[in-house]
């Protein structure tokens, strides 16, 4: 079966891999329709996120059609349209028992597209409890955003927000845009910072009218009132630009970091205490955010179709990541100005745009 196989940093090949499609009583086999390329995939490929097991098929933002169900599956039928929750949890370890299922002790062995085979291929099997039916009015394309949006909603729940706050989202990629759209849907306004000039026309077409676009710190501060203005909330989706914004945090300021990149920032612990600064990290989906994400996409509160710029065949995976700035041939990551969200389609499902 043709799939995108991770063999090690910078070594990703579209190749045939034999996969056991035999399902257990509580498992479901789906025919993959399409899978979104995530920033996590790019960080795995470049070695910035050392989590994937060599030989694993990548891909986790996945939708498909149920084609086989195990004998003990209670709530799904063949033909159902579904989206996959890729974050495995066992339900009984210490982390699961203390409402930290996103850090389940078994996650390192069973996380879809990271430590177990993902969905940049034709078929995928998983336990029925990690599948969600799609509403009839939700397209496969937009439904691929369910998992990243659920991660966004989990991150937002870490924060204490007020409509009068100055909120900044660093990064105009899929996650930064989803953060801005989700916050807008909840009544908050702010600024998206995207410093890649050629990408800004894509960002402008996506952000909510209540939000502004800036290219740097000065422009950000100007939106809020000028150089002396302070920022209440910084959401860093880039993993490389938060430091300068820390110097402009207000008392009681909050920082949310969600990028899976290594970045060392010097912090004065006395400043954190004296200014009541809060730092949060957030990964994966938690606290029913998957269902909330599905609802927001289905009712149009999040205009997901605006984020999807390309659909390409799995055979063109190298071309797809090239559009996102990643050259596998040169082992280089460059500024991305050609795409936002790219969907990969397996063999037989190609409908490229």
C-alpha atoms as a PDB file:
ATOM      1  CA  UNK A   1       0.000   0.000   0.000  1.00  0.00           C
ATOM      2  CA  UNK A   2       1.454   3.345  -1.053  1.00  0.00           C
ATOM      3  CA  UNK A   3       2.182   5.684   1.843  1.00  0.00           C
ATOM      4  CA  UNK A   4       4.460   8.451   3.138  1.00  0.00           C
ATOM      5  CA  UNK A   5       7.015   6.597   5.261  1.00  0.00           C
ATOM      6  CA  UNK A   6       9.293   8.304   7.772  1.00  0.00           C
ATOM      7  CA  UNK A   7      12.724   6.632   7.799  1.00  0.00           C
ATOM      8  CA  UNK A   8      14.546   9.313   9.786  1.00  0.00           C
ATOM      9  CA  UNK A   9      15.183  13.081   9.749  1.00  0.00           C
ATOM     10  CA  UNK A  10      15.018  14.375   6.159  1.00  0.00           C
ATOM     11  CA  UNK A  11      14.425  10.845   4.913  1.00  0.00           C
ATOM     12  CA  UNK A  12      10.766  10.543   3.949  1.00  0.00           C
ATOM     13  CA  UNK A  13       9.760   8.389   1.023  1.00  0.00           C
ATOM     14  CA  UNK A  14       6.529   7.696  -0.820  1.00  0.00           C
ATOM     15  CA  UNK A  15       6.754   3.920  -0.984  1.00  0.00           C
ATOM     16  CA  UNK A  16       4.806   0.689  -0.713  1.00  0.00           C
ATOM     17  CA  UNK A  17       4.439  -0.645   2.808  1.00  0.00           C
ATOM     18  CA  UNK A  18       2.646  -3.804   3.832  1.00  0.00           C
ATOM     19  CA  UNK A  19       0.079  -3.074   6.552  1.00  0.00           C
ATOM     20  CA  UNK A  20      -1.987  -5.596   8.473  1.00  0.00           C
ATOM     21  CA  UNK A  21      -5.591  -4.499   7.937  1.00  0.00           C
ATOM     22  CA  UNK A  22      -7.065  -7.206  10.168  1.00  0.00           C
ATOM     23  CA  UNK A  23      -9.232  -5.503  12.782  1.00  0.00           C
ATOM     24  CA  UNK A  24      -9.909  -6.422  16.405  1.00  0.00           C
ATOM     25  CA  UNK A  25     -13.459  -6.528  17.827  1.00  0.00           C
ATOM     26  CA  UNK A  26     -13.274  -2.872  18.978  1.00  0.00           C
ATOM     27  CA  UNK A  27     -11.565  -1.567  15.837  1.00  0.00           C
ATOM     28  CA  UNK A  28     -12.751   0.069  12.626  1.00  0.00           C
ATOM     29  CA  UNK A  29     -11.146   0.120   9.191  1.00  0.00           C
ATOM     30  CA  UNK A  30     -11.625   3.262   7.148  1.00  0.00           C
ATOM     31  CA  UNK A  31     -10.890   4.154   3.541  1.00  0.00           C
ATOM     32  CA  UNK A  32      -8.915   7.360   3.802  1.00  0.00           C
ATOM     33  CA  UNK A  33     -10.353  10.236   1.790  1.00  0.00           C
ATOM     34  CA  UNK A  34      -7.792  12.914   2.635  1.00  0.00           C
ATOM     35  CA  UNK A  35      -5.315  13.952   5.311  1.00  0.00           C
ATOM     36  CA  UNK A  36      -3.996  17.415   6.101  1.00  0.00           C
ATOM     37  CA  UNK A  37      -0.287  18.175   6.363  1.00  0.00           C
ATOM     38  CA  UNK A  38       0.404  19.473   9.871  1.00  0.00           C
ATOM     39  CA  UNK A  39       3.272  21.525  11.242  1.00  0.00           C
ATOM     40  CA  UNK A  40       4.020  18.510  13.439  1.00  0.00           C
ATOM     41  CA  UNK A  41       4.669  16.476  10.275  1.00  0.00           C
ATOM     42  CA  UNK A  42       7.143  19.092   9.072  1.00  0.00           C
ATOM     43  CA  UNK A  43       8.912  19.216  12.441  1.00  0.00           C
ATOM     44  CA  UNK A  44       9.165  15.417  12.481  1.00  0.00           C
ATOM     45  CA  UNK A  45      10.620  15.398   8.973  1.00  0.00           C
ATOM     46  CA  UNK A  46      13.237  18.044   9.804  1.00  0.00           C
ATOM     47  CA  UNK A  47      14.183  16.434  13.119  1.00  0.00           C
ATOM     48  CA  UNK A  48      12.941  19.369  15.206  1.00  0.00           C
ATOM     49  CA  UNK A  49      10.394  17.119  16.915  1.00  0.00           C
ATOM     50  CA  UNK A  50      12.046  13.827  17.797  1.00  0.00           C
ATOM     51  CA  UNK A  51       8.999  11.683  18.393  1.00  0.00           C
ATOM     52  CA  UNK A  52       8.320   9.553  15.334  1.00  0.00           C
ATOM     53  CA  UNK A  53       9.446   5.960  15.029  1.00  0.00           C
ATOM     54  CA  UNK A  54      11.368   5.144  11.814  1.00  0.00           C
ATOM     55  CA  UNK A  55       9.288   3.080   9.414  1.00  0.00           C
ATOM     56  CA  UNK A  56       6.052   4.781  10.454  1.00  0.00           C
ATOM     57  CA  UNK A  57       3.574   6.172   7.947  1.00  0.00           C
ATOM     58  CA  UNK A  58       2.998   9.836   8.775  1.00  0.00           C
ATOM     59  CA  UNK A  59      -0.291  11.765   8.739  1.00  0.00           C
ATOM     60  CA  UNK A  60      -2.934  12.325  11.406  1.00  0.00           C
ATOM     61  CA  UNK A  61      -5.452  15.038  10.324  1.00  0.00           C
ATOM     62  CA  UNK A  62      -7.597  12.394   8.717  1.00  0.00           C
ATOM     63  CA  UNK A  63     -11.101  11.805   7.366  1.00  0.00           C
ATOM     64  CA  UNK A  64     -12.503   8.766   5.641  1.00  0.00           C
ATOM     65  CA  UNK A  65     -15.327   6.294   5.110  1.00  0.00           C
ATOM     66  CA  UNK A  66     -15.964   3.280   7.323  1.00  0.00           C
ATOM     67  CA  UNK A  67     -15.559   0.062   5.304  1.00  0.00           C
ATOM     68  CA  UNK A  68     -15.342  -2.552   8.065  1.00  0.00           C
ATOM     69  CA  UNK A  69     -16.284  -2.671  11.752  1.00  0.00           C
ATOM     70  CA  UNK A  70     -15.342  -5.039  14.563  1.00  0.00           C
ATOM     71  CA  UNK A  71     -17.996  -7.196  16.179  1.00  0.00           C
ATOM     72  CA  UNK A  72     -18.114  -5.115  19.380  1.00  0.00           C
ATOM     73  CA  UNK A  73     -18.317  -1.678  17.758  1.00  0.00           C
ATOM     74  CA  UNK A  74     -21.610  -0.143  18.968  1.00  0.00           C
ATOM     75  CA  UNK A  75     -22.065   3.163  17.187  1.00  0.00           C
ATOM     76  CA  UNK A  76     -20.746   2.998  13.629  1.00  0.00           C
ATOM     77  CA  UNK A  77     -21.852   1.413  10.378  1.00  0.00           C
ATOM     78  CA  UNK A  78     -20.197   0.699   7.058  1.00  0.00           C
ATOM     79  CA  UNK A  79     -20.526   3.812   4.920  1.00  0.00           C
ATOM     80  CA  UNK A  80     -20.322   6.300   7.792  1.00  0.00           C
ATOM     81  CA  UNK A  81     -18.201   9.387   7.141  1.00  0.00           C
ATOM     82  CA  UNK A  82     -15.751   9.915  10.007  1.00  0.00           C
ATOM     83  CA  UNK A  83     -12.864  11.995  11.307  1.00  0.00           C
ATOM     84  CA  UNK A  84     -10.030  10.448  13.334  1.00  0.00           C
ATOM     85  CA  UNK A  85      -8.877  11.594  16.758  1.00  0.00           C
ATOM     86  CA  UNK A  86      -5.189  10.615  16.478  1.00  0.00           C
ATOM     87  CA  UNK A  87      -4.202  11.119  20.135  1.00  0.00           C
ATOM     88  CA  UNK A  88      -4.336   7.666  21.679  1.00  0.00           C
ATOM     89  CA  UNK A  89      -5.092   7.282  25.380  1.00  0.00           C
ATOM     90  CA  UNK A  90      -5.558   4.139  27.461  1.00  0.00           C
ATOM     91  CA  UNK A  91      -8.035   5.580  29.981  1.00  0.00           C
ATOM     92  CA  UNK A  92      -6.507   4.003  33.078  1.00  0.00           C
ATOM     93  CA  UNK A  93      -2.920   5.252  33.553  1.00  0.00           C
ATOM     94  CA  UNK A  94      -2.105   8.023  36.047  1.00  0.00           C
ATOM     95  CA  UNK A  95      -2.286  10.749  33.401  1.00  0.00           C
ATOM     96  CA  UNK A  96      -5.624   9.538  32.060  1.00  0.00           C
ATOM     97  CA  UNK A  97      -7.068   9.296  35.577  1.00  0.00           C
ATOM     98  CA  UNK A  98      -6.046  12.900  36.319  1.00  0.00           C
ATOM     99  CA  UNK A  99      -7.574  14.448  33.169  1.00  0.00           C
ATOM    100  CA  UNK A 100      -4.314  14.515  31.210  1.00  0.00           C
ATOM    101  CA  UNK A 101      -5.232  12.022  28.512  1.00  0.00           C
ATOM    102  CA  UNK A 102      -3.187  14.033  26.019  1.00  0.00           C
ATOM    103  CA  UNK A 103      -0.126  12.784  27.923  1.00  0.00           C
ATOM    104  CA  UNK A 104      -1.207   9.158  28.331  1.00  0.00           C
ATOM    105  CA  UNK A 105       1.667   6.833  29.206  1.00  0.00           C
ATOM    106  CA  UNK A 106       0.790   4.681  26.174  1.00  0.00           C
ATOM    107  CA  UNK A 107       0.813   7.614  23.759  1.00  0.00           C
ATOM    108  CA  UNK A 108       4.456   7.067  22.828  1.00  0.00           C
ATOM    109  CA  UNK A 109       3.543   3.655  21.380  1.00  0.00           C
ATOM    110  CA  UNK A 110       0.170   4.352  19.772  1.00  0.00           C
ATOM    111  CA  UNK A 111      -0.017   7.960  18.567  1.00  0.00           C
ATOM    112  CA  UNK A 112      -1.344   8.032  15.002  1.00  0.00           C
ATOM    113  CA  UNK A 113       1.219   9.150  12.436  1.00  0.00           C
ATOM    114  CA  UNK A 114       3.953   9.479  15.056  1.00  0.00           C
ATOM    115  CA  UNK A 115       4.546   6.220  16.914  1.00  0.00           C
ATOM    116  CA  UNK A 116       2.046   4.103  14.964  1.00  0.00           C
ATOM    117  CA  UNK A 117       1.085   4.143  11.307  1.00  0.00           C
ATOM    118  CA  UNK A 118      -0.848   7.211  10.215  1.00  0.00           C
ATOM    119  CA  UNK A 119      -2.979   8.087   7.233  1.00  0.00           C
ATOM    120  CA  UNK A 120      -0.876   9.441   4.388  1.00  0.00           C
ATOM    121  CA  UNK A 121      -1.968   6.216   2.678  1.00  0.00           C
ATOM    122  CA  UNK A 122      -5.145   4.449   1.522  1.00  0.00           C
ATOM    123  CA  UNK A 123      -6.474   2.710   4.646  1.00  0.00           C
ATOM    124  CA  UNK A 124      -6.317   3.323   8.372  1.00  0.00           C
ATOM    125  CA  UNK A 125      -7.566   1.313  11.340  1.00  0.00           C
ATOM    126  CA  UNK A 126      -8.224   2.533  14.865  1.00  0.00           C
ATOM    127  CA  UNK A 127     -10.424   1.876  17.892  1.00  0.00           C
ATOM    128  CA  UNK A 128     -14.011   3.032  17.392  1.00  0.00           C
ATOM    129  CA  UNK A 129     -13.749   5.387  20.376  1.00  0.00           C
ATOM    130  CA  UNK A 130     -11.309   7.541  18.379  1.00  0.00           C
ATOM    131  CA  UNK A 131     -13.728   8.113  15.492  1.00  0.00           C
ATOM    132  CA  UNK A 132     -16.363  10.830  15.206  1.00  0.00           C
ATOM    133  CA  UNK A 133     -19.188  10.863  12.680  1.00  0.00           C
ATOM    134  CA  UNK A 134     -19.283  13.853  10.366  1.00  0.00           C
ATOM    135  CA  UNK A 135     -22.436  15.968  10.195  1.00  0.00           C
ATOM    136  CA  UNK A 136     -24.115  15.601   6.807  1.00  0.00           C
ATOM    137  CA  UNK A 137     -23.417  19.231   5.892  1.00  0.00           C
ATOM    138  CA  UNK A 138     -19.684  19.038   6.644  1.00  0.00           C
ATOM    139  CA  UNK A 139     -17.410  18.267   3.691  1.00  0.00           C
ATOM    140  CA  UNK A 140     -14.454  15.928   3.948  1.00  0.00           C
ATOM    141  CA  UNK A 141     -12.159  18.838   3.081  1.00  0.00           C
ATOM    142  CA  UNK A 142     -13.268  21.092   5.923  1.00  0.00           C
ATOM    143  CA  UNK A 143     -13.546  18.163   8.335  1.00  0.00           C
ATOM    144  CA  UNK A 144      -9.770  17.598   8.058  1.00  0.00           C
ATOM    145  CA  UNK A 145      -9.443  20.730  10.219  1.00  0.00           C
ATOM    146  CA  UNK A 146     -11.277  19.116  13.143  1.00  0.00           C
ATOM    147  CA  UNK A 147      -8.156  17.786  14.864  1.00  0.00           C
ATOM    148  CA  UNK A 148      -6.054  20.973  14.633  1.00  0.00           C
ATOM    149  CA  UNK A 149      -9.064  23.075  15.651  1.00  0.00           C
ATOM    150  CA  UNK A 150      -9.656  20.803  18.647  1.00  0.00           C
ATOM    151  CA  UNK A 151      -6.036  21.441  19.685  1.00  0.00           C
ATOM    152  CA  UNK A 152      -6.669  25.180  19.348  1.00  0.00           C
ATOM    153  CA  UNK A 153      -9.769  25.011  21.521  1.00  0.00           C
ATOM    154  CA  UNK A 154      -7.821  23.060  24.151  1.00  0.00           C
ATOM    155  CA  UNK A 155      -5.185  25.800  24.187  1.00  0.00           C
ATOM    156  CA  UNK A 156      -7.737  28.591  24.473  1.00  0.00           C
ATOM    157  CA  UNK A 157      -9.221  26.898  27.544  1.00  0.00           C
ATOM    158  CA  UNK A 158      -5.861  27.407  29.305  1.00  0.00           C
ATOM    159  CA  UNK A 159      -6.299  31.183  29.142  1.00  0.00           C
ATOM    160  CA  UNK A 160      -8.328  33.678  31.143  1.00  0.00           C
ATOM    161  CA  UNK A 161      -9.685  36.101  28.548  1.00  0.00           C
ATOM    162  CA  UNK A 162     -11.615  39.381  28.414  1.00  0.00           C
ATOM    163  CA  UNK A 163     -12.849  41.234  25.352  1.00  0.00           C
ATOM    164  CA  UNK A 164     -10.881  44.342  26.401  1.00  0.00           C
ATOM    165  CA  UNK A 165      -7.550  42.487  26.321  1.00  0.00           C
ATOM    166  CA  UNK A 166      -4.831  43.085  23.710  1.00  0.00           C
ATOM    167  CA  UNK A 167      -4.386  39.648  22.175  1.00  0.00           C
ATOM    168  CA  UNK A 168      -1.572  38.706  19.783  1.00  0.00           C
ATOM    169  CA  UNK A 169      -1.241  35.505  17.751  1.00  0.00           C
ATOM    170  CA  UNK A 170       2.276  35.034  16.381  1.00  0.00           C
ATOM    171  CA  UNK A 171       2.278  33.149  13.080  1.00  0.00           C
ATOM    172  CA  UNK A 172      -0.101  33.203  10.131  1.00  0.00           C
ATOM    173  CA  UNK A 173       0.037  29.496   9.397  1.00  0.00           C
ATOM    174  CA  UNK A 174      -2.887  27.099   9.836  1.00  0.00           C
ATOM    175  CA  UNK A 175      -2.647  27.024  13.630  1.00  0.00           C
ATOM    176  CA  UNK A 176      -2.260  30.772  14.027  1.00  0.00           C
ATOM    177  CA  UNK A 177      -5.203  31.387  11.732  1.00  0.00           C
ATOM    178  CA  UNK A 178      -7.343  28.807  13.527  1.00  0.00           C
ATOM    179  CA  UNK A 179      -6.516  30.474  16.854  1.00  0.00           C
ATOM    180  CA  UNK A 180      -7.580  33.854  15.506  1.00  0.00           C
ATOM    181  CA  UNK A 181     -10.773  32.437  13.976  1.00  0.00           C
ATOM    182  CA  UNK A 182     -11.709  30.485  17.097  1.00  0.00           C
ATOM    183  CA  UNK A 183     -11.119  33.538  19.287  1.00  0.00           C
ATOM    184  CA  UNK A 184     -13.165  35.686  16.891  1.00  0.00           C
ATOM    185  CA  UNK A 185     -16.003  33.154  17.064  1.00  0.00           C
ATOM    186  CA  UNK A 186     -15.925  33.558  20.847  1.00  0.00           C
ATOM    187  CA  UNK A 187     -16.089  37.359  20.587  1.00  0.00           C
ATOM    188  CA  UNK A 188     -12.423  38.334  20.949  1.00  0.00           C
ATOM    189  CA  UNK A 189     -10.382  40.558  18.641  1.00  0.00           C
ATOM    190  CA  UNK A 190      -6.646  40.946  18.232  1.00  0.00           C
ATOM    191  CA  UNK A 191      -3.665  40.889  15.897  1.00  0.00           C
ATOM    192  CA  UNK A 192      -2.126  38.124  13.789  1.00  0.00           C
ATOM    193  CA  UNK A 193       1.600  38.639  13.209  1.00  0.00           C
ATOM    194  CA  UNK A 194       2.978  37.222   9.959  1.00  0.00           C
ATOM    195  CA  UNK A 195       6.406  38.471   8.861  1.00  0.00           C
ATOM    196  CA  UNK A 196       6.526  36.724   5.484  1.00  0.00           C
ATOM    197  CA  UNK A 197       5.420  39.491   3.170  1.00  0.00           C
ATOM    198  CA  UNK A 198       4.489  37.249   0.253  1.00  0.00           C
ATOM    199  CA  UNK A 199       2.207  35.166   2.447  1.00  0.00           C
ATOM    200  CA  UNK A 200       0.201  38.055   3.795  1.00  0.00           C
ATOM    201  CA  UNK A 201      -2.312  38.124   0.966  1.00  0.00           C
ATOM    202  CA  UNK A 202      -3.307  34.577   1.930  1.00  0.00           C
ATOM    203  CA  UNK A 203      -3.636  35.552   5.584  1.00  0.00           C
ATOM    204  CA  UNK A 204      -5.718  38.632   4.783  1.00  0.00           C
ATOM    205  CA  UNK A 205      -8.241  36.455   2.974  1.00  0.00           C
ATOM    206  CA  UNK A 206      -8.733  34.264   6.048  1.00  0.00           C
ATOM    207  CA  UNK A 207      -8.703  36.406   9.200  1.00  0.00           C
ATOM    208  CA  UNK A 208     -11.928  37.712  10.701  1.00  0.00           C
ATOM    209  CA  UNK A 209     -12.776  41.402  10.066  1.00  0.00           C
ATOM    210  CA  UNK A 210     -12.424  42.045  13.810  1.00  0.00           C
ATOM    211  CA  UNK A 211      -8.757  41.061  13.589  1.00  0.00           C
ATOM    212  CA  UNK A 212      -5.806  42.983  12.166  1.00  0.00           C
ATOM    213  CA  UNK A 213      -2.683  41.789  10.401  1.00  0.00           C
ATOM    214  CA  UNK A 214       0.798  43.008  11.369  1.00  0.00           C
ATOM    215  CA  UNK A 215       4.261  42.127  10.092  1.00  0.00           C
ATOM    216  CA  UNK A 216       6.335  42.888  13.184  1.00  0.00           C
ATOM    217  CA  UNK A 217       6.286  44.021  16.813  1.00  0.00           C
ATOM    218  CA  UNK A 218       6.093  47.750  16.033  1.00  0.00           C
ATOM    219  CA  UNK A 219       3.072  47.327  13.781  1.00  0.00           C
ATOM    220  CA  UNK A 220       1.468  45.150  16.447  1.00  0.00           C
ATOM    221  CA  UNK A 221       1.905  47.788  19.128  1.00  0.00           C
ATOM    222  CA  UNK A 222       0.620  50.476  16.740  1.00  0.00           C
ATOM    223  CA  UNK A 223      -2.651  48.565  16.349  1.00  0.00           C
ATOM    224  CA  UNK A 224      -3.145  48.663  20.109  1.00  0.00           C
ATOM    225  CA  UNK A 225      -2.171  52.317  20.534  1.00  0.00           C
ATOM    226  CA  UNK A 226       1.551  52.818  20.047  1.00  0.00           C
ATOM    227  CA  UNK A 227       4.986  52.029  21.460  1.00  0.00           C
ATOM    228  CA  UNK A 228       4.023  52.237  25.120  1.00  0.00           C
ATOM    229  CA  UNK A 229       1.078  49.874  24.753  1.00  0.00           C
ATOM    230  CA  UNK A 230       1.198  46.584  26.596  1.00  0.00           C
ATOM    231  CA  UNK A 231       0.065  43.174  25.411  1.00  0.00           C
ATOM    232  CA  UNK A 232      -2.165  41.028  27.597  1.00  0.00           C
ATOM    233  CA  UNK A 233      -2.037  37.688  25.780  1.00  0.00           C
ATOM    234  CA  UNK A 234       0.602  36.251  23.433  1.00  0.00           C
ATOM    235  CA  UNK A 235      -0.142  33.011  21.610  1.00  0.00           C
ATOM    236  CA  UNK A 236       3.026  31.783  19.912  1.00  0.00           C
ATOM    237  CA  UNK A 237       2.423  29.294  17.110  1.00  0.00           C
ATOM    238  CA  UNK A 238       5.778  29.907  15.439  1.00  0.00           C
ATOM    239  CA  UNK A 239       8.176  28.651  18.094  1.00  0.00           C
ATOM    240  CA  UNK A 240      10.757  31.279  17.196  1.00  0.00           C
ATOM    241  CA  UNK A 241       9.400  34.785  17.798  1.00  0.00           C
ATOM    242  CA  UNK A 242       8.021  35.079  21.313  1.00  0.00           C
ATOM    243  CA  UNK A 243      11.057  36.613  23.039  1.00  0.00           C
ATOM    244  CA  UNK A 244      10.622  40.205  21.844  1.00  0.00           C
ATOM    245  CA  UNK A 245       6.973  40.216  22.830  1.00  0.00           C
ATOM    246  CA  UNK A 246       7.742  39.248  26.423  1.00  0.00           C
ATOM    247  CA  UNK A 247       9.188  42.726  27.053  1.00  0.00           C
ATOM    248  CA  UNK A 248       5.792  44.217  26.265  1.00  0.00           C
ATOM    249  CA  UNK A 249       3.624  41.959  28.423  1.00  0.00           C
ATOM    250  CA  UNK A 250       1.246  43.683  30.812  1.00  0.00           C
ATOM    251  CA  UNK A 251       0.915  42.814  34.478  1.00  0.00           C
ATOM    252  CA  UNK A 252      -1.080  39.624  34.643  1.00  0.00           C
ATOM    253  CA  UNK A 253      -0.007  38.880  31.075  1.00  0.00           C
ATOM    254  CA  UNK A 254      -0.361  35.402  29.628  1.00  0.00           C
ATOM    255  CA  UNK A 255       1.794  33.459  27.170  1.00  0.00           C
ATOM    256  CA  UNK A 256       0.588  30.313  25.395  1.00  0.00           C
ATOM    257  CA  UNK A 257       3.196  28.297  23.488  1.00  0.00           C
ATOM    258  CA  UNK A 258       2.038  25.562  21.111  1.00  0.00           C
ATOM    259  CA  UNK A 259       4.906  25.131  18.606  1.00  0.00           C
ATOM    260  CA  UNK A 260       6.825  21.853  18.756  1.00  0.00           C
ATOM    261  CA  UNK A 261      10.236  23.446  18.302  1.00  0.00           C
ATOM    262  CA  UNK A 262      13.117  23.878  20.690  1.00  0.00           C
ATOM    263  CA  UNK A 263      13.516  27.509  21.738  1.00  0.00           C
ATOM    264  CA  UNK A 264      15.371  28.561  24.866  1.00  0.00           C
ATOM    265  CA  UNK A 265      14.254  31.875  26.376  1.00  0.00           C
ATOM    266  CA  UNK A 266      15.764  33.412  29.505  1.00  0.00           C
ATOM    267  CA  UNK A 267      13.094  34.209  32.108  1.00  0.00           C
ATOM    268  CA  UNK A 268      13.441  36.173  35.344  1.00  0.00           C
ATOM    269  CA  UNK A 269      11.431  34.200  37.903  1.00  0.00           C
ATOM    270  CA  UNK A 270      11.129  37.288  40.101  1.00  0.00           C
ATOM    271  CA  UNK A 271       9.497  39.136  37.202  1.00  0.00           C
ATOM    272  CA  UNK A 272       7.019  36.284  36.751  1.00  0.00           C
ATOM    273  CA  UNK A 273       6.023  36.506  40.419  1.00  0.00           C
ATOM    274  CA  UNK A 274       5.986  40.283  40.738  1.00  0.00           C
ATOM    275  CA  UNK A 275       4.035  40.833  37.501  1.00  0.00           C
ATOM    276  CA  UNK A 276       1.764  37.778  37.874  1.00  0.00           C
ATOM    277  CA  UNK A 277       2.840  36.431  34.491  1.00  0.00           C
ATOM    278  CA  UNK A 278       1.393  33.089  33.389  1.00  0.00           C
ATOM    279  CA  UNK A 279       3.018  30.695  30.924  1.00  0.00           C
ATOM    280  CA  UNK A 280       1.134  27.791  29.370  1.00  0.00           C
ATOM    281  CA  UNK A 281       1.970  25.001  26.991  1.00  0.00           C
ATOM    282  CA  UNK A 282      -0.699  23.077  25.125  1.00  0.00           C
ATOM    283  CA  UNK A 283      -0.696  20.021  22.893  1.00  0.00           C
ATOM    284  CA  UNK A 284      -3.397  17.830  21.393  1.00  0.00           C
ATOM    285  CA  UNK A 285      -7.090  17.652  22.211  1.00  0.00           C
ATOM    286  CA  UNK A 286      -8.699  17.540  25.645  1.00  0.00           C
ATOM    287  CA  UNK A 287     -11.983  18.155  27.488  1.00  0.00           C
ATOM    288  CA  UNK A 288     -14.469  17.482  24.673  1.00  0.00           C
ATOM    289  CA  UNK A 289     -12.787  19.945  22.335  1.00  0.00           C
ATOM    290  CA  UNK A 290     -13.137  17.477  19.429  1.00  0.00           C
ATOM    291  CA  UNK A 291     -16.933  17.685  19.531  1.00  0.00           C
ATOM    292  CA  UNK A 292     -16.774  21.464  19.903  1.00  0.00           C
ATOM    293  CA  UNK A 293     -14.481  21.710  16.880  1.00  0.00           C
ATOM    294  CA  UNK A 294     -16.847  19.612  14.769  1.00  0.00           C
ATOM    295  CA  UNK A 295     -19.767  21.842  15.736  1.00  0.00           C
ATOM    296  CA  UNK A 296     -17.919  25.080  14.929  1.00  0.00           C
ATOM    297  CA  UNK A 297     -16.908  23.791  11.504  1.00  0.00           C
ATOM    298  CA  UNK A 298     -20.339  22.373  10.713  1.00  0.00           C
ATOM    299  CA  UNK A 299     -22.261  25.532  11.643  1.00  0.00           C
ATOM    300  CA  UNK A 300     -19.859  27.780   9.721  1.00  0.00           C
ATOM    301  CA  UNK A 301     -18.590  29.684  12.754  1.00  0.00           C
ATOM    302  CA  UNK A 302     -15.099  28.712  11.548  1.00  0.00           C
ATOM    303  CA  UNK A 303     -14.829  29.237   7.746  1.00  0.00           C
ATOM    304  CA  UNK A 304     -12.562  26.249   7.262  1.00  0.00           C
ATOM    305  CA  UNK A 305     -12.620  26.215   3.463  1.00  0.00           C
ATOM    306  CA  UNK A 306     -10.670  29.487   3.403  1.00  0.00           C
ATOM    307  CA  UNK A 307      -7.615  27.779   4.894  1.00  0.00           C
ATOM    308  CA  UNK A 308      -7.390  24.982   2.318  1.00  0.00           C
ATOM    309  CA  UNK A 309      -5.231  26.090  -0.589  1.00  0.00           C
ATOM    310  CA  UNK A 310      -4.201  22.792  -2.223  1.00  0.00           C
ATOM    311  CA  UNK A 311      -5.157  19.140  -2.607  1.00  0.00           C
ATOM    312  CA  UNK A 312      -2.450  16.831  -3.972  1.00  0.00           C
ATOM    313  CA  UNK A 313      -1.966  13.109  -4.529  1.00  0.00           C
ATOM    314  CA  UNK A 314       0.129  11.141  -2.071  1.00  0.00           C
ATOM    315  CA  UNK A 315       2.536  10.553  -4.957  1.00  0.00           C
ATOM    316  CA  UNK A 316       3.216  14.297  -4.955  1.00  0.00           C
ATOM    317  CA  UNK A 317       4.001  14.539  -1.238  1.00  0.00           C
ATOM    318  CA  UNK A 318       7.466  15.987  -1.864  1.00  0.00           C
ATOM    319  CA  UNK A 319       5.883  18.687  -4.024  1.00  0.00           C
ATOM    320  CA  UNK A 320       3.285  19.341  -1.333  1.00  0.00           C
ATOM    321  CA  UNK A 321       5.828  19.998   1.418  1.00  0.00           C
ATOM    322  CA  UNK A 322       7.851  22.064  -1.063  1.00  0.00           C
ATOM    323  CA  UNK A 323       4.853  24.405  -1.290  1.00  0.00           C
ATOM    324  CA  UNK A 324       5.047  24.688   2.501  1.00  0.00           C
ATOM    325  CA  UNK A 325       8.701  25.706   2.301  1.00  0.00           C
ATOM    326  CA  UNK A 326      10.320  22.334   2.959  1.00  0.00           C
ATOM    327  CA  UNK A 327      12.825  21.027   0.411  1.00  0.00           C
ATOM    328  CA  UNK A 328      13.583  17.369   1.081  1.00  0.00           C
ATOM    329  CA  UNK A 329      16.201  17.312  -1.653  1.00  0.00           C
ATOM    330  CA  UNK A 330      18.158  20.256  -0.216  1.00  0.00           C
ATOM    331  CA  UNK A 331      17.359  19.436   3.431  1.00  0.00           C
ATOM    332  CA  UNK A 332      16.301  23.042   3.915  1.00  0.00           C
ATOM    333  CA  UNK A 333      13.279  24.845   5.313  1.00  0.00           C
ATOM    334  CA  UNK A 334      12.529  28.191   3.704  1.00  0.00           C
ATOM    335  CA  UNK A 335       9.891  30.862   4.082  1.00  0.00           C
ATOM    336  CA  UNK A 336       6.486  29.603   2.961  1.00  0.00           C
ATOM    337  CA  UNK A 337       4.409  31.995   0.893  1.00  0.00           C
ATOM    338  CA  UNK A 338       2.557  29.655  -1.455  1.00  0.00           C
ATOM    339  CA  UNK A 339       0.129  27.746   0.744  1.00  0.00           C
ATOM    340  CA  UNK A 340      -1.690  27.507   4.049  1.00  0.00           C
ATOM    341  CA  UNK A 341      -3.290  24.067   4.462  1.00  0.00           C
ATOM    342  CA  UNK A 342      -2.500  21.283   2.005  1.00  0.00           C
ATOM    343  CA  UNK A 343      -4.515  18.072   1.876  1.00  0.00           C
ATOM    344  CA  UNK A 344      -3.002  14.771   0.715  1.00  0.00           C
ATOM    345  CA  UNK A 345      -5.227  12.289  -1.095  1.00  0.00           C
ATOM    346  CA  UNK A 346      -4.490   8.558  -1.409  1.00  0.00           C
ATOM    347  CA  UNK A 347      -4.393   6.660  -4.658  1.00  0.00           C
ATOM    348  CA  UNK A 348      -7.828   6.464  -6.235  1.00  0.00           C
ATOM    349  CA  UNK A 349      -9.107   9.578  -4.477  1.00  0.00           C
ATOM    350  CA  UNK A 350      -7.190  12.185  -6.452  1.00  0.00           C
ATOM    351  CA  UNK A 351      -9.056  15.405  -7.238  1.00  0.00           C
ATOM    352  CA  UNK A 352      -6.227  17.864  -7.264  1.00  0.00           C
ATOM    353  CA  UNK A 353      -6.555  21.643  -6.951  1.00  0.00           C
END
